[in-house]
Amino acid sequence: MNNPLLVGEGVRNLEKIRTEKDLDKMCEEIAEGLSPEEKKAFADKLLGILLDSKTEARLDSRLARTILYLEAHDMLGSKFGVTQLIKASMILEPEKTIEAIEEVSETRKIISAPF
């Protein structure tokens, strides 16, 4: 399945994200486009971005508690978990998150390329 948010400039079209609902929709669409193995690897990458963040931006306490709950129950690699991680990463480290999304996109192109 070709996810337009994982291909080309789709993810860089951030001016379309005007509300929290827009951000939620983008995060869900990205998560839906990943296989279970990709979700787990991507969740690990995003968690690293969050833990290494030195930004002064702050996460909403509800989002932070949700991520902690998902981690405690080994659910960060689920669709919902990846969605929450993308959302948090976009708030704290948008450029690093975009780079991670583009990296996943490149990996998908390589894996799906006919040999």
C-alpha atoms as a PDB file:
ATOM      1  CA  MET A   1       0.000   0.000   0.000  1.00  0.00           C
ATOM      2  CA  ASN A   2       1.421   3.389  -0.985  1.00  0.00           C
ATOM      3  CA  ASN A   3       0.946   5.868   1.814  1.00  0.00           C
ATOM      4  CA  PRO A   4       1.196   9.431   0.447  1.00  0.00           C
ATOM      5  CA  LEU A   5       2.535  10.630   3.793  1.00  0.00           C
ATOM      6  CA  LEU A   6       5.456   8.235   3.529  1.00  0.00           C
ATOM      7  CA  VAL A   7       6.371   9.156  -0.031  1.00  0.00           C
ATOM      8  CA  GLY A   8       8.110  12.236  -1.356  1.00  0.00           C
ATOM      9  CA  GLU A   9       7.175  15.588   0.078  1.00  0.00           C
ATOM     10  CA  GLY A  10       3.895  14.479   1.680  1.00  0.00           C
ATOM     11  CA  VAL A  11       5.181  14.577   5.236  1.00  0.00           C
ATOM     12  CA  ARG A  12       6.846  17.947   4.665  1.00  0.00           C
ATOM     13  CA  ASN A  13       3.486  19.490   3.829  1.00  0.00           C
ATOM     14  CA  LEU A  14       3.111  20.543   7.457  1.00  0.00           C
ATOM     15  CA  GLU A  15       1.151  23.702   6.747  1.00  0.00           C
ATOM     16  CA  LYS A  16      -1.893  21.438   6.358  1.00  0.00           C
ATOM     17  CA  ILE A  17      -1.627  20.546  10.052  1.00  0.00           C
ATOM     18  CA  ARG A  18      -3.643  23.311  11.637  1.00  0.00           C
ATOM     19  CA  THR A  19      -5.386  21.521  14.473  1.00  0.00           C
ATOM     20  CA  GLU A  20      -4.733  18.654  16.830  1.00  0.00           C
ATOM     21  CA  LYS A  21      -7.251  16.641  14.817  1.00  0.00           C
ATOM     22  CA  ASP A  22      -5.123  17.175  11.673  1.00  0.00           C
ATOM     23  CA  LEU A  23      -2.034  15.973  13.550  1.00  0.00           C
ATOM     24  CA  ASP A  24      -3.908  12.924  14.854  1.00  0.00           C
ATOM     25  CA  LYS A  25      -5.074  12.050  11.344  1.00  0.00           C
ATOM     26  CA  MET A  26      -1.557  12.349   9.915  1.00  0.00           C
ATOM     27  CA  CYS A  27      -0.121  10.171  12.698  1.00  0.00           C
ATOM     28  CA  GLU A  28      -2.788   7.505  12.196  1.00  0.00           C
ATOM     29  CA  GLU A  29      -2.238   7.407   8.433  1.00  0.00           C
ATOM     30  CA  ILE A  30       1.495   6.935   8.869  1.00  0.00           C
ATOM     31  CA  ALA A  31       1.015   4.166  11.447  1.00  0.00           C
ATOM     32  CA  GLU A  32      -1.532   2.388   9.228  1.00  0.00           C
ATOM     33  CA  GLY A  33       0.984   2.279   6.384  1.00  0.00           C
ATOM     34  CA  LEU A  34       3.531   0.270   8.381  1.00  0.00           C
ATOM     35  CA  SER A  35       3.810  -3.473   8.815  1.00  0.00           C
ATOM     36  CA  PRO A  36       3.922  -4.853  12.390  1.00  0.00           C
ATOM     37  CA  GLU A  37       7.721  -5.249  12.155  1.00  0.00           C
ATOM     38  CA  GLU A  38       8.109  -1.701  10.854  1.00  0.00           C
ATOM     39  CA  LYS A  39       5.862  -0.365  13.614  1.00  0.00           C
ATOM     40  CA  LYS A  40       8.066  -1.933  16.303  1.00  0.00           C
ATOM     41  CA  ALA A  41      11.310  -0.629  14.773  1.00  0.00           C
ATOM     42  CA  PHE A  42       9.782   2.799  14.164  1.00  0.00           C
ATOM     43  CA  ALA A  43       8.447   2.937  17.733  1.00  0.00           C
ATOM     44  CA  ASP A  44      11.959   2.244  19.042  1.00  0.00           C
ATOM     45  CA  LYS A  45      13.359   5.016  16.840  1.00  0.00           C
ATOM     46  CA  LEU A  46      10.710   7.517  17.967  1.00  0.00           C
ATOM     47  CA  LEU A  47      11.170   6.611  21.619  1.00  0.00           C
ATOM     48  CA  GLY A  48      14.880   7.328  21.207  1.00  0.00           C
ATOM     49  CA  ILE A  49      14.068  10.723  19.700  1.00  0.00           C
ATOM     50  CA  LEU A  50      11.803  11.530  22.636  1.00  0.00           C
ATOM     51  CA  LEU A  51      14.268  10.396  25.272  1.00  0.00           C
ATOM     52  CA  ASP A  52      17.164  12.275  23.665  1.00  0.00           C
ATOM     53  CA  SER A  53      15.166  15.492  23.189  1.00  0.00           C
ATOM     54  CA  LYS A  54      16.626  18.573  24.792  1.00  0.00           C
ATOM     55  CA  THR A  55      13.891  20.899  23.584  1.00  0.00           C
ATOM     56  CA  GLU A  56      12.068  23.139  26.002  1.00  0.00           C
ATOM     57  CA  ALA A  57       8.706  22.185  24.521  1.00  0.00           C
ATOM     58  CA  ARG A  58       6.560  20.091  26.822  1.00  0.00           C
ATOM     59  CA  LEU A  59       4.176  17.257  26.202  1.00  0.00           C
ATOM     60  CA  ASP A  60       0.642  17.343  27.458  1.00  0.00           C
ATOM     61  CA  SER A  61       0.609  15.247  30.639  1.00  0.00           C
ATOM     62  CA  ARG A  62      -2.142  13.012  29.230  1.00  0.00           C
ATOM     63  CA  LEU A  63      -0.029  12.179  26.159  1.00  0.00           C
ATOM     64  CA  ALA A  64       3.033  11.526  28.329  1.00  0.00           C
ATOM     65  CA  ARG A  65       1.042   9.231  30.655  1.00  0.00           C
ATOM     66  CA  THR A  66      -0.410   7.393  27.659  1.00  0.00           C
ATOM     67  CA  ILE A  67       3.086   6.722  26.308  1.00  0.00           C
ATOM     68  CA  LEU A  68       4.281   5.529  29.723  1.00  0.00           C
ATOM     69  CA  TYR A  69       1.273   3.210  30.003  1.00  0.00           C
ATOM     70  CA  LEU A  70       1.864   1.798  26.520  1.00  0.00           C
ATOM     71  CA  GLU A  71       5.545   1.218  27.310  1.00  0.00           C
ATOM     72  CA  ALA A  72       4.707  -0.527  30.579  1.00  0.00           C
ATOM     73  CA  HIS A  73       2.347  -2.871  28.719  1.00  0.00           C
ATOM     74  CA  ASP A  74       4.678  -3.450  25.741  1.00  0.00           C
ATOM     75  CA  MET A  75       2.235  -1.760  23.365  1.00  0.00           C
ATOM     76  CA  LEU A  76       4.357   1.002  21.824  1.00  0.00           C
ATOM     77  CA  GLY A  77       4.709  -1.065  18.644  1.00  0.00           C
ATOM     78  CA  SER A  78       0.939  -1.164  18.138  1.00  0.00           C
ATOM     79  CA  LYS A  79      -0.851   1.166  15.712  1.00  0.00           C
ATOM     80  CA  PHE A  80      -2.091   3.266  18.634  1.00  0.00           C
ATOM     81  CA  GLY A  81       1.345   3.282  20.257  1.00  0.00           C
ATOM     82  CA  VAL A  82       3.101   4.420  17.088  1.00  0.00           C
ATOM     83  CA  THR A  83       0.418   7.055  16.555  1.00  0.00           C
ATOM     84  CA  GLN A  84       1.028   8.475  20.039  1.00  0.00           C
ATOM     85  CA  LEU A  85       4.808   8.387  19.592  1.00  0.00           C
ATOM     86  CA  ILE A  86       4.622  10.201  16.254  1.00  0.00           C
ATOM     87  CA  LYS A  87       2.386  12.839  17.816  1.00  0.00           C
ATOM     88  CA  ALA A  88       4.724  13.355  20.765  1.00  0.00           C
ATOM     89  CA  SER A  89       7.803  13.408  18.539  1.00  0.00           C
ATOM     90  CA  MET A  90       6.206  15.963  16.205  1.00  0.00           C
ATOM     91  CA  ILE A  91       5.577  18.200  19.216  1.00  0.00           C
ATOM     92  CA  LEU A  92       9.095  17.914  20.680  1.00  0.00           C
ATOM     93  CA  GLU A  93      11.313  17.246  17.675  1.00  0.00           C
ATOM     94  CA  PRO A  94       9.475  17.830  14.391  1.00  0.00           C
ATOM     95  CA  GLU A  95      12.588  17.856  12.183  1.00  0.00           C
ATOM     96  CA  LYS A  96      14.017  14.655  13.665  1.00  0.00           C
ATOM     97  CA  THR A  97      10.593  13.029  13.388  1.00  0.00           C
ATOM     98  CA  ILE A  98      10.289  13.982   9.738  1.00  0.00           C
ATOM     99  CA  GLU A  99      13.760  12.556   9.111  1.00  0.00           C
ATOM    100  CA  ALA A 100      12.722   9.300  10.816  1.00  0.00           C
ATOM    101  CA  ILE A 101       9.549   9.110   8.705  1.00  0.00           C
ATOM    102  CA  GLU A 102      11.564   9.707   5.551  1.00  0.00           C
ATOM    103  CA  GLU A 103      14.028   7.011   6.623  1.00  0.00           C
ATOM    104  CA  VAL A 104      11.165   4.522   7.028  1.00  0.00           C
ATOM    105  CA  SER A 105       9.880   5.585   3.629  1.00  0.00           C
ATOM    106  CA  GLU A 106      13.261   4.899   2.022  1.00  0.00           C
ATOM    107  CA  THR A 107      13.485   1.505   3.721  1.00  0.00           C
ATOM    108  CA  ARG A 108      10.029   0.607   2.417  1.00  0.00           C
ATOM    109  CA  LYS A 109      11.066   1.566  -1.128  1.00  0.00           C
ATOM    110  CA  ILE A 110      14.167  -0.607  -0.879  1.00  0.00           C
ATOM    111  CA  ILE A 111      12.266  -3.584   0.560  1.00  0.00           C
ATOM    112  CA  SER A 112       9.473  -3.367  -1.995  1.00  0.00           C
ATOM    113  CA  ALA A 113      11.804  -2.859  -4.980  1.00  0.00           C
ATOM    114  CA  PRO A 114      11.785  -5.816  -7.377  1.00  0.00           C
ATOM    115  CA  PHE A 115      15.116  -7.636  -7.562  1.00  0.00           C
END
